[in-house]
Amino acid sequence: MSRKSTFAVTSVAVHPVDPSSILTPEELAKRLKVSPRWIYEKSRSRNQHPLPVLRLGRYLRFSWDDISVWLRRQGDVA
């Protein structure tokens, strides 16, 4: 008898990130009219609904498209 290997394939939706829509915490804070400290706090994973963040080593970056979706969902959560 031969053994067959089975592999589960998980599809992950990967959308290309437009480099012009990538923001630093300070740029995002300015756009949302909040303090940079608020951005750092909301991007922590311990929050119930953390900001979607791109972690590049010690640097945090944010995709405006992902932030826009997050903002729309916040109205549904409250």
Protein backbone atom coordinates (compact mmCIF):
# COMPACT_ATOMS: atom_id res chain seq x y z
CA MET A 1 0.00 0.00 0.00
CA SER A 2 1.24 3.43 -0.81
CA ARG A 3 0.75 6.34 1.50
CA LYS A 4 -0.78 9.43 0.04
CA SER A 5 0.09 12.77 1.44
CA THR A 6 -2.63 15.32 1.66
CA PHE A 7 -2.00 18.99 2.01
CA ALA A 8 -4.53 21.55 3.01
CA VAL A 9 -4.34 24.62 0.87
CA THR A 10 -5.33 27.82 2.53
CA SER A 11 -6.11 30.72 0.31
CA VAL A 12 -4.95 34.04 1.59
CA ALA A 13 -6.15 37.18 -0.05
CA VAL A 14 -3.04 39.19 -0.71
CA HIS A 15 -3.64 42.58 -2.15
CA PRO A 16 -0.76 44.66 -3.40
CA VAL A 17 0.02 47.64 -1.24
CA ASP A 18 0.32 50.95 -3.03
CA PRO A 19 3.54 52.53 -1.71
CA SER A 20 1.96 55.98 -1.90
CA SER A 21 -0.74 54.88 0.57
CA ILE A 22 1.76 53.80 3.26
CA LEU A 23 1.81 56.13 6.25
CA THR A 24 4.05 56.57 9.27
CA PRO A 25 2.38 56.78 12.69
CA GLU A 26 2.84 60.56 12.65
CA GLU A 27 1.31 60.92 9.16
CA LEU A 28 -1.65 58.73 10.15
CA ALA A 29 -2.17 60.71 13.35
CA LYS A 30 -2.25 63.93 11.37
CA ARG A 31 -4.72 62.48 8.87
CA LEU A 32 -7.02 61.17 11.63
CA LYS A 33 -6.56 64.32 13.74
CA VAL A 34 -5.38 62.38 16.79
CA SER A 35 -2.08 62.23 18.66
CA PRO A 36 0.72 59.88 17.58
CA ARG A 37 0.47 58.34 21.05
CA TRP A 38 -3.15 57.32 20.29
CA ILE A 39 -1.94 55.63 17.08
CA TYR A 40 0.72 53.66 18.96
CA GLU A 41 -1.78 52.61 21.64
CA LYS A 42 -4.43 51.53 19.12
CA SER A 43 -1.91 49.51 17.10
CA ARG A 44 -1.07 47.25 20.07
CA SER A 45 -2.40 43.73 19.66
CA ARG A 46 -3.82 43.74 23.19
CA ASN A 47 -6.60 46.10 22.07
CA GLN A 48 -9.96 44.57 21.29
CA HIS A 49 -9.94 46.05 17.76
CA PRO A 50 -6.33 47.07 16.99
CA LEU A 51 -5.39 49.23 14.04
CA PRO A 52 -4.16 47.18 11.09
CA VAL A 53 -0.41 47.71 11.10
CA LEU A 54 2.52 46.70 8.91
CA ARG A 55 5.44 45.87 11.19
CA LEU A 56 8.81 46.34 9.54
CA GLY A 57 11.26 45.45 12.27
CA ARG A 58 10.94 48.21 14.82
CA TYR A 59 9.05 50.46 12.40
CA LEU A 60 5.29 50.70 12.18
CA ARG A 61 3.62 51.58 8.90
CA PHE A 62 -0.04 51.80 7.99
CA SER A 63 -1.88 51.21 4.74
CA TRP A 64 -4.50 53.91 4.26
CA ASP A 65 -6.76 51.39 2.48
CA ASP A 66 -6.66 49.04 5.49
CA ILE A 67 -7.19 51.93 7.91
CA SER A 68 -10.23 53.07 5.90
CA VAL A 69 -11.79 49.60 6.18
CA TRP A 70 -10.97 49.54 9.91
CA LEU A 71 -12.65 52.92 10.39
CA ARG A 72 -15.83 51.79 8.62
CA ARG A 73 -15.98 48.66 10.79
CA GLN A 74 -15.66 50.68 13.99
CA GLY A 75 -19.14 52.09 13.39
CA ASP A 76 -20.47 48.53 13.22
CA VAL A 77 -18.69 47.47 16.44
CA ALA A 78 -19.86 50.31 18.66
